[in-house]
Amino acid sequence: MNSLAGKVALVTGASTGIGRAIAIALAHAGADVAITFRTGLRDASAVAKEIERAGRRGAVLQLELADPASIAALAREVTDQFGHVDVWVNNAGADILTGDDAKRSPLDKLDQLLSVDLRGTILASWEAARIMQEQPRGGVIVNMSWDHVLFGMEGRNPQMFSAVKGGILSFSKSLARSVAPKVRVNILAPGWIETEFAATSMDPAYYRKVAESTPLGRWGTPEDVARAAVFLASDDSAFLTGQTLMVGGGVVM
């Protein structure tokens, strides 16, 4: 029997990258999975097909994480379609490293991270907790931070990421105390993961340096993060709440 059989999961920002890998891994673990996208409907639809190929029910929902009304509508839509939500993974976040958004001013980037990543995660977590506290069997919330918030990194972008992702980590610990014992809240903190930024925007010499300086000798993959997400979503982690699981190959210990 799969570890998440009979459960319903929601993964925000699951059209590509880490979110995509988490959604597919949850489906293979037995969950029906709803995913959200902001603009990438084609990619999100492809993920839903992967979920269905795993023998599970999939759903695609649009979300504008900077808009509180959109978050509230998401909560209504997922419960209307599935009846309940057992696992809610807040993966969606602003991309300030690739594309046109990488050219924004530091102030614009900071405002985007604060409204999408930090405020959006807080509001979505409150919606998830509200739903789960009304359910007989509660639920699990998984929020996304960053391993370097515990270590630090030089640079303007890392400073902003540290402030926002550190805020998510601290918020999640307080939320875990507030909603226990019915709802568990844990934090995933990926490190150097091979996503679009690494593939398209990073200097090749720095890319090699990251792998060489990682104790496990390589970059992480979205699937590495996904396996950790399945663990936190399942009853295998039933006595864990308020904990941070770093998936970074040992760069931060």
C-alpha atoms as a PDB file:
ATOM      1  CA  MET A   1       0.000   0.000   0.000  1.00  0.00           C
ATOM      2  CA  ASN A   2       1.339   3.431  -0.943  1.00  0.00           C
ATOM      3  CA  SER A   3       2.141   5.759   1.944  1.00  0.00           C
ATOM      4  CA  LEU A   4      -0.349   8.431   0.833  1.00  0.00           C
ATOM      5  CA  ALA A   5      -3.131   6.203  -0.474  1.00  0.00           C
ATOM      6  CA  GLY A   6      -6.565   7.804  -0.116  1.00  0.00           C
ATOM      7  CA  LYS A   7      -5.153  11.264   0.579  1.00  0.00           C
ATOM      8  CA  VAL A   8      -5.525  14.537  -1.306  1.00  0.00           C
ATOM      9  CA  ALA A   9      -2.539  16.842  -1.776  1.00  0.00           C
ATOM     10  CA  LEU A  10      -2.240  20.390  -3.091  1.00  0.00           C
ATOM     11  CA  VAL A  11       1.071  21.697  -4.419  1.00  0.00           C
ATOM     12  CA  THR A  12       1.350  25.369  -5.350  1.00  0.00           C
ATOM     13  CA  GLY A  13       3.661  26.426  -8.145  1.00  0.00           C
ATOM     14  CA  ALA A  14       3.857  22.915  -9.572  1.00  0.00           C
ATOM     15  CA  SER A  15       4.076  23.507 -13.316  1.00  0.00           C
ATOM     16  CA  THR A  16       7.878  23.184 -13.415  1.00  0.00           C
ATOM     17  CA  GLY A  17      10.964  22.488 -11.315  1.00  0.00           C
ATOM     18  CA  ILE A  18      10.733  21.444  -7.688  1.00  0.00           C
ATOM     19  CA  GLY A  19       6.950  21.818  -7.508  1.00  0.00           C
ATOM     20  CA  ARG A  20       6.486  19.571 -10.528  1.00  0.00           C
ATOM     21  CA  ALA A  21       8.703  16.893  -8.999  1.00  0.00           C
ATOM     22  CA  ILE A  22       6.869  17.077  -5.653  1.00  0.00           C
ATOM     23  CA  ALA A  23       3.437  16.768  -7.297  1.00  0.00           C
ATOM     24  CA  ILE A  24       4.451  13.718  -9.332  1.00  0.00           C
ATOM     25  CA  ALA A  25       6.157  12.064  -6.349  1.00  0.00           C
ATOM     26  CA  LEU A  26       3.056  12.561  -4.197  1.00  0.00           C
ATOM     27  CA  ALA A  27       0.954  10.938  -6.916  1.00  0.00           C
ATOM     28  CA  HIS A  28       3.300   7.951  -7.109  1.00  0.00           C
ATOM     29  CA  ALA A  29       2.993   7.679  -3.312  1.00  0.00           C
ATOM     30  CA  GLY A  30      -0.763   7.279  -3.738  1.00  0.00           C
ATOM     31  CA  ALA A  31      -2.249  10.781  -3.391  1.00  0.00           C
ATOM     32  CA  ASP A  32      -4.681  12.585  -5.642  1.00  0.00           C
ATOM     33  CA  VAL A  33      -2.957  15.873  -6.425  1.00  0.00           C
ATOM     34  CA  ALA A  34      -4.192  19.369  -7.247  1.00  0.00           C
ATOM     35  CA  ILE A  35      -1.559  21.727  -8.595  1.00  0.00           C
ATOM     36  CA  THR A  36      -1.477  25.451  -9.167  1.00  0.00           C
ATOM     37  CA  PHE A  37       0.106  27.638 -11.810  1.00  0.00           C
ATOM     38  CA  ARG A  38       0.219  31.363 -12.419  1.00  0.00           C
ATOM     39  CA  THR A  39       0.919  31.653 -16.171  1.00  0.00           C
ATOM     40  CA  GLY A  40       2.205  28.244 -17.325  1.00  0.00           C
ATOM     41  CA  LEU A  41      -1.050  26.453 -18.109  1.00  0.00           C
ATOM     42  CA  ARG A  42       0.537  24.186 -20.737  1.00  0.00           C
ATOM     43  CA  ASP A  43       3.247  23.002 -18.351  1.00  0.00           C
ATOM     44  CA  ALA A  44       0.729  22.544 -15.535  1.00  0.00           C
ATOM     45  CA  SER A  45      -1.546  20.488 -17.784  1.00  0.00           C
ATOM     46  CA  ALA A  46       1.399  18.258 -18.658  1.00  0.00           C
ATOM     47  CA  VAL A  47       2.049  17.674 -14.947  1.00  0.00           C
ATOM     48  CA  ALA A  48      -1.615  16.774 -14.431  1.00  0.00           C
ATOM     49  CA  LYS A  49      -1.276  14.161 -17.162  1.00  0.00           C
ATOM     50  CA  GLU A  50       1.751  12.706 -15.350  1.00  0.00           C
ATOM     51  CA  ILE A  51      -0.341  12.510 -12.170  1.00  0.00           C
ATOM     52  CA  GLU A  52      -3.088  10.688 -14.053  1.00  0.00           C
ATOM     53  CA  ARG A  53      -0.561   8.306 -15.617  1.00  0.00           C
ATOM     54  CA  ALA A  54       0.433   7.396 -12.062  1.00  0.00           C
ATOM     55  CA  GLY A  55      -3.171   6.264 -11.578  1.00  0.00           C
ATOM     56  CA  ARG A  56      -4.247   9.224  -9.481  1.00  0.00           C
ATOM     57  CA  ARG A  57      -6.685  12.074  -9.948  1.00  0.00           C
ATOM     58  CA  GLY A  58      -5.181  15.414 -10.929  1.00  0.00           C
ATOM     59  CA  ALA A  59      -6.519  18.961 -11.085  1.00  0.00           C
ATOM     60  CA  VAL A  60      -5.073  22.225 -12.374  1.00  0.00           C
ATOM     61  CA  LEU A  61      -5.972  25.487 -10.632  1.00  0.00           C
ATOM     62  CA  GLN A  62      -4.772  29.014 -11.316  1.00  0.00           C
ATOM     63  CA  LEU A  63      -3.294  30.986  -8.423  1.00  0.00           C
ATOM     64  CA  GLU A  64      -1.982  34.516  -8.068  1.00  0.00           C
ATOM     65  CA  LEU A  65      -0.149  34.176  -4.766  1.00  0.00           C
ATOM     66  CA  ALA A  66       0.225  37.932  -4.288  1.00  0.00           C
ATOM     67  CA  ASP A  67      -3.597  38.278  -4.309  1.00  0.00           C
ATOM     68  CA  PRO A  68      -5.372  37.284  -1.058  1.00  0.00           C
ATOM     69  CA  ALA A  69      -8.648  36.803  -2.947  1.00  0.00           C
ATOM     70  CA  SER A  70      -6.974  34.295  -5.255  1.00  0.00           C
ATOM     71  CA  ILE A  71      -5.673  32.320  -2.263  1.00  0.00           C
ATOM     72  CA  ALA A  72      -9.138  32.224  -0.679  1.00  0.00           C
ATOM     73  CA  ALA A  73     -10.634  31.125  -4.004  1.00  0.00           C
ATOM     74  CA  LEU A  74      -8.050  28.328  -4.253  1.00  0.00           C
ATOM     75  CA  ALA A  75      -9.091  26.971  -0.867  1.00  0.00           C
ATOM     76  CA  ARG A  76     -12.721  26.903  -1.976  1.00  0.00           C
ATOM     77  CA  GLU A  77     -11.929  25.299  -5.329  1.00  0.00           C
ATOM     78  CA  VAL A  78      -9.808  22.481  -3.981  1.00  0.00           C
ATOM     79  CA  THR A  79     -12.319  21.556  -1.293  1.00  0.00           C
ATOM     80  CA  ASP A  80     -15.190  21.783  -3.783  1.00  0.00           C
ATOM     81  CA  GLN A  81     -13.402  19.414  -6.163  1.00  0.00           C
ATOM     82  CA  PHE A  82     -11.923  16.941  -3.685  1.00  0.00           C
ATOM     83  CA  GLY A  83     -13.943  17.394  -0.494  1.00  0.00           C
ATOM     84  CA  HIS A  84     -10.874  17.653   1.734  1.00  0.00           C
ATOM     85  CA  VAL A  85      -7.140  18.395   1.687  1.00  0.00           C
ATOM     86  CA  ASP A  86      -4.726  16.211   3.655  1.00  0.00           C
ATOM     87  CA  VAL A  87      -1.423  17.698   2.452  1.00  0.00           C
ATOM     88  CA  TRP A  88      -0.793  21.316   1.405  1.00  0.00           C
ATOM     89  CA  VAL A  89       2.669  22.134   0.027  1.00  0.00           C
ATOM     90  CA  ASN A  90       3.410  25.859  -0.301  1.00  0.00           C
ATOM     91  CA  ASN A  91       6.058  25.691  -3.006  1.00  0.00           C
ATOM     92  CA  ALA A  92       5.141  28.662  -5.223  1.00  0.00           C
ATOM     93  CA  GLY A  93       7.408  31.673  -5.092  1.00  0.00           C
ATOM     94  CA  ALA A  94       8.615  34.646  -7.106  1.00  0.00           C
ATOM     95  CA  ASP A  95      11.413  34.134  -9.617  1.00  0.00           C
ATOM     96  CA  ILE A  96      13.778  37.108  -9.440  1.00  0.00           C
ATOM     97  CA  LEU A  97      16.752  35.263 -10.932  1.00  0.00           C
ATOM     98  CA  THR A  98      15.729  34.467 -14.522  1.00  0.00           C
ATOM     99  CA  GLY A  99      13.933  36.206 -17.377  1.00  0.00           C
ATOM    100  CA  ASP A 100      12.802  39.823 -17.311  1.00  0.00           C
ATOM    101  CA  ASP A 101      12.260  39.789 -13.532  1.00  0.00           C
ATOM    102  CA  ALA A 102      16.007  39.367 -13.035  1.00  0.00           C
ATOM    103  CA  LYS A 103      16.435  42.870 -14.483  1.00  0.00           C
ATOM    104  CA  ARG A 104      14.153  44.537 -11.936  1.00  0.00           C
ATOM    105  CA  SER A 105      15.483  46.965  -9.329  1.00  0.00           C
ATOM    106  CA  PRO A 106      16.425  45.583  -5.919  1.00  0.00           C
ATOM    107  CA  LEU A 107      13.394  47.331  -4.392  1.00  0.00           C
ATOM    108  CA  ASP A 108      11.014  45.777  -6.934  1.00  0.00           C
ATOM    109  CA  LYS A 109      12.553  42.354  -6.305  1.00  0.00           C
ATOM    110  CA  LEU A 110      12.201  42.772  -2.552  1.00  0.00           C
ATOM    111  CA  ASP A 111       8.552  43.841  -2.835  1.00  0.00           C
ATOM    112  CA  GLN A 112       7.839  40.852  -5.073  1.00  0.00           C
ATOM    113  CA  LEU A 113       9.472  38.385  -2.678  1.00  0.00           C
ATOM    114  CA  LEU A 114       7.690  39.855   0.332  1.00  0.00           C
ATOM    115  CA  SER A 115       4.240  39.808  -1.299  1.00  0.00           C
ATOM    116  CA  VAL A 116       4.529  36.441  -3.055  1.00  0.00           C
ATOM    117  CA  ASP A 117       6.858  34.253  -1.020  1.00  0.00           C
ATOM    118  CA  LEU A 118       6.378  35.540   2.515  1.00  0.00           C
ATOM    119  CA  ARG A 119       2.869  37.002   2.637  1.00  0.00           C
ATOM    120  CA  GLY A 120       1.564  34.468   0.135  1.00  0.00           C
ATOM    121  CA  THR A 121       2.900  31.535   2.143  1.00  0.00           C
ATOM    122  CA  ILE A 122       1.462  32.944   5.368  1.00  0.00           C
ATOM    123  CA  LEU A 123      -2.010  33.506   3.886  1.00  0.00           C
ATOM    124  CA  ALA A 124      -2.036  30.117   2.146  1.00  0.00           C
ATOM    125  CA  SER A 125      -0.911  28.399   5.343  1.00  0.00           C
ATOM    126  CA  TRP A 126      -3.737  30.026   7.271  1.00  0.00           C
ATOM    127  CA  GLU A 127      -6.245  28.785   4.675  1.00  0.00           C
ATOM    128  CA  ALA A 128      -4.761  25.281   4.803  1.00  0.00           C
ATOM    129  CA  ALA A 129      -4.794  25.225   8.599  1.00  0.00           C
ATOM    130  CA  ARG A 130      -8.414  26.416   8.687  1.00  0.00           C
ATOM    131  CA  ILE A 131      -9.507  23.617   6.363  1.00  0.00           C
ATOM    132  CA  MET A 132      -7.500  20.939   8.151  1.00  0.00           C
ATOM    133  CA  GLN A 133      -8.613  21.895  11.645  1.00  0.00           C
ATOM    134  CA  GLU A 134     -12.217  21.322  10.521  1.00  0.00           C
ATOM    135  CA  GLN A 135     -11.386  17.841   9.166  1.00  0.00           C
ATOM    136  CA  PRO A 136     -11.618  14.769  11.406  1.00  0.00           C
ATOM    137  CA  ARG A 137      -8.101  13.618  10.501  1.00  0.00           C
ATOM    138  CA  GLY A 138      -6.405  17.017  10.375  1.00  0.00           C
ATOM    139  CA  GLY A 139      -3.608  17.391   7.860  1.00  0.00           C
ATOM    140  CA  VAL A 140      -0.040  18.331   6.999  1.00  0.00           C
ATOM    141  CA  ILE A 141       1.393  21.641   5.798  1.00  0.00           C
ATOM    142  CA  VAL A 142       4.851  21.793   4.203  1.00  0.00           C
ATOM    143  CA  ASN A 143       6.415  25.216   3.618  1.00  0.00           C
ATOM    144  CA  MET A 144       9.515  25.981   1.549  1.00  0.00           C
ATOM    145  CA  SER A 145      12.486  27.830   2.979  1.00  0.00           C
ATOM    146  CA  TRP A 146      16.200  27.819   2.021  1.00  0.00           C
ATOM    147  CA  ASP A 147      19.089  26.090   3.754  1.00  0.00           C
ATOM    148  CA  HIS A 148      21.323  29.182   3.604  1.00  0.00           C
ATOM    149  CA  VAL A 149      19.059  31.168   5.934  1.00  0.00           C
ATOM    150  CA  LEU A 150      20.931  29.304   8.682  1.00  0.00           C
ATOM    151  CA  PHE A 151      24.342  29.952   7.135  1.00  0.00           C
ATOM    152  CA  GLY A 152      24.285  33.215   5.203  1.00  0.00           C
ATOM    153  CA  MET A 153      25.482  34.142   1.725  1.00  0.00           C
ATOM    154  CA  GLU A 154      27.069  37.292   0.349  1.00  0.00           C
ATOM    155  CA  GLY A 155      25.143  39.365  -2.170  1.00  0.00           C
ATOM    156  CA  ARG A 156      22.029  41.492  -2.560  1.00  0.00           C
ATOM    157  CA  ASN A 157      19.775  38.706  -3.870  1.00  0.00           C
ATOM    158  CA  PRO A 158      20.846  36.286  -1.098  1.00  0.00           C
ATOM    159  CA  GLN A 159      20.168  38.996   1.490  1.00  0.00           C
ATOM    160  CA  MET A 160      16.604  39.298   0.260  1.00  0.00           C
ATOM    161  CA  PHE A 161      16.111  35.543   0.008  1.00  0.00           C
ATOM    162  CA  SER A 162      17.463  35.135   3.528  1.00  0.00           C
ATOM    163  CA  ALA A 163      15.020  37.672   4.937  1.00  0.00           C
ATOM    164  CA  VAL A 164      11.999  36.183   3.165  1.00  0.00           C
ATOM    165  CA  LYS A 165      12.814  32.478   3.432  1.00  0.00           C
ATOM    166  CA  GLY A 166      13.963  32.986   7.021  1.00  0.00           C
ATOM    167  CA  GLY A 167      10.614  34.593   7.718  1.00  0.00           C
ATOM    168  CA  ILE A 168       8.835  31.549   6.296  1.00  0.00           C
ATOM    169  CA  LEU A 169      10.903  29.263   8.514  1.00  0.00           C
ATOM    170  CA  SER A 170      10.149  31.245  11.676  1.00  0.00           C
ATOM    171  CA  PHE A 171       6.480  31.681  10.816  1.00  0.00           C
ATOM    172  CA  SER A 172       6.103  27.951  10.205  1.00  0.00           C
ATOM    173  CA  LYS A 173       7.482  27.077  13.626  1.00  0.00           C
ATOM    174  CA  SER A 174       4.993  29.399  15.312  1.00  0.00           C
ATOM    175  CA  LEU A 175       2.176  28.063  13.155  1.00  0.00           C
ATOM    176  CA  ALA A 176       3.145  24.500  14.097  1.00  0.00           C
ATOM    177  CA  ARG A 177       2.713  25.345  17.785  1.00  0.00           C
ATOM    178  CA  SER A 178      -0.589  27.096  17.081  1.00  0.00           C
ATOM    179  CA  VAL A 179      -2.316  24.304  15.162  1.00  0.00           C
ATOM    180  CA  ALA A 180      -0.940  21.199  16.901  1.00  0.00           C
ATOM    181  CA  PRO A 181      -1.850  18.465  17.542  1.00  0.00           C
ATOM    182  CA  LYS A 182      -4.373  18.198  14.724  1.00  0.00           C
ATOM    183  CA  VAL A 183      -2.224  19.774  12.014  1.00  0.00           C
ATOM    184  CA  ARG A 184       1.484  19.213  11.500  1.00  0.00           C
ATOM    185  CA  VAL A 185       3.634  21.952   9.934  1.00  0.00           C
ATOM    186  CA  ASN A 186       7.167  21.318   8.723  1.00  0.00           C
ATOM    187  CA  ILE A 187       9.688  23.124   6.557  1.00  0.00           C
ATOM    188  CA  LEU A 188      11.676  21.972   3.544  1.00  0.00           C
ATOM    189  CA  ALA A 189      14.870  23.953   3.001  1.00  0.00           C
ATOM    190  CA  PRO A 190      16.485  23.077  -0.338  1.00  0.00           C
ATOM    191  CA  GLY A 191      20.031  24.135  -1.098  1.00  0.00           C
ATOM    192  CA  TRP A 192      21.730  24.105  -4.488  1.00  0.00           C
ATOM    193  CA  ILE A 193      19.105  22.402  -6.659  1.00  0.00           C
ATOM    194  CA  GLU A 194      19.423  22.029 -10.413  1.00  0.00           C
ATOM    195  CA  THR A 195      16.560  24.169 -11.683  1.00  0.00           C
ATOM    196  CA  GLU A 196      16.222  26.625 -14.581  1.00  0.00           C
ATOM    197  CA  PHE A 197      18.522  29.190 -12.941  1.00  0.00           C
ATOM    198  CA  ALA A 198      21.376  26.693 -12.668  1.00  0.00           C
ATOM    199  CA  ALA A 199      20.851  25.485 -16.211  1.00  0.00           C
ATOM    200  CA  THR A 200      20.492  28.838 -17.978  1.00  0.00           C
ATOM    201  CA  SER A 201      21.816  31.715 -15.886  1.00  0.00           C
ATOM    202  CA  MET A 202      24.774  30.532 -13.823  1.00  0.00           C
ATOM    203  CA  ASP A 203      28.432  30.942 -14.739  1.00  0.00           C
ATOM    204  CA  PRO A 204      29.804  27.454 -15.628  1.00  0.00           C
ATOM    205  CA  ALA A 205      32.833  27.892 -13.384  1.00  0.00           C
ATOM    206  CA  TYR A 206      30.613  28.735 -10.407  1.00  0.00           C
ATOM    207  CA  TYR A 207      28.376  25.788 -11.267  1.00  0.00           C
ATOM    208  CA  ARG A 208      31.373  23.456 -10.985  1.00  0.00           C
ATOM    209  CA  LYS A 209      32.498  25.152  -7.782  1.00  0.00           C
ATOM    210  CA  VAL A 210      29.138  24.460  -6.150  1.00  0.00           C
ATOM    211  CA  ALA A 211      29.381  20.739  -6.880  1.00  0.00           C
ATOM    212  CA  GLU A 212      33.002  20.575  -5.722  1.00  0.00           C
ATOM    213  CA  SER A 213      32.214  22.351  -2.431  1.00  0.00           C
ATOM    214  CA  THR A 214      29.201  20.158  -1.645  1.00  0.00           C
ATOM    215  CA  PRO A 215      30.081  17.273   0.716  1.00  0.00           C
ATOM    216  CA  LEU A 216      27.968  14.852  -1.347  1.00  0.00           C
ATOM    217  CA  GLY A 217      29.805  15.953  -4.481  1.00  0.00           C
ATOM    218  CA  ARG A 218      26.954  17.060  -6.738  1.00  0.00           C
ATOM    219  CA  TRP A 219      24.063  19.412  -7.255  1.00  0.00           C
ATOM    220  CA  GLY A 220      20.711  18.368  -5.876  1.00  0.00           C
ATOM    221  CA  THR A 221      17.808  17.519  -8.153  1.00  0.00           C
ATOM    222  CA  PRO A 222      14.113  18.398  -7.856  1.00  0.00           C
ATOM    223  CA  GLU A 223      13.526  14.694  -7.209  1.00  0.00           C
ATOM    224  CA  ASP A 224      15.790  14.845  -4.140  1.00  0.00           C
ATOM    225  CA  VAL A 225      13.503  17.526  -2.703  1.00  0.00           C
ATOM    226  CA  ALA A 226      10.395  15.623  -3.778  1.00  0.00           C
ATOM    227  CA  ARG A 227      11.399  12.489  -1.858  1.00  0.00           C
ATOM    228  CA  ALA A 228      11.823  14.589   1.278  1.00  0.00           C
ATOM    229  CA  ALA A 229       8.407  16.171   0.678  1.00  0.00           C
ATOM    230  CA  VAL A 230       6.763  12.748   0.461  1.00  0.00           C
ATOM    231  CA  PHE A 231       8.359  11.799   3.779  1.00  0.00           C
ATOM    232  CA  LEU A 232       7.037  14.939   5.499  1.00  0.00           C
ATOM    233  CA  ALA A 233       3.595  14.450   3.944  1.00  0.00           C
ATOM    234  CA  SER A 234       3.297  10.834   5.047  1.00  0.00           C
ATOM    235  CA  ASP A 235       2.671   9.150   8.368  1.00  0.00           C
ATOM    236  CA  ASP A 236       6.347   8.148   8.379  1.00  0.00           C
ATOM    237  CA  SER A 237       6.911  11.622   9.860  1.00  0.00           C
ATOM    238  CA  ALA A 238       3.891  11.454  12.177  1.00  0.00           C
ATOM    239  CA  PHE A 239       5.858  12.615  15.239  1.00  0.00           C
ATOM    240  CA  LEU A 240       7.524  15.568  13.494  1.00  0.00           C
ATOM    241  CA  THR A 241       6.205  19.115  13.569  1.00  0.00           C
ATOM    242  CA  GLY A 242       7.928  22.480  13.476  1.00  0.00           C
ATOM    243  CA  GLN A 243      11.023  20.864  12.008  1.00  0.00           C
ATOM    244  CA  THR A 244      13.275  21.971   9.150  1.00  0.00           C
ATOM    245  CA  LEU A 245      14.569  19.355   6.738  1.00  0.00           C
ATOM    246  CA  MET A 246      17.526  20.679   4.749  1.00  0.00           C
ATOM    247  CA  VAL A 247      18.017  19.103   1.335  1.00  0.00           C
ATOM    248  CA  GLY A 248      21.355  20.512   0.338  1.00  0.00           C
ATOM    249  CA  GLY A 249      23.953  17.766   0.164  1.00  0.00           C
ATOM    250  CA  GLY A 250      25.557  18.843   3.418  1.00  0.00           C
ATOM    251  CA  VAL A 251      26.581  22.385   2.454  1.00  0.00           C
ATOM    252  CA  VAL A 252      24.728  23.608   5.547  1.00  0.00           C
ATOM    253  CA  MET A 253      24.832  21.257   8.519  1.00  0.00           C
END
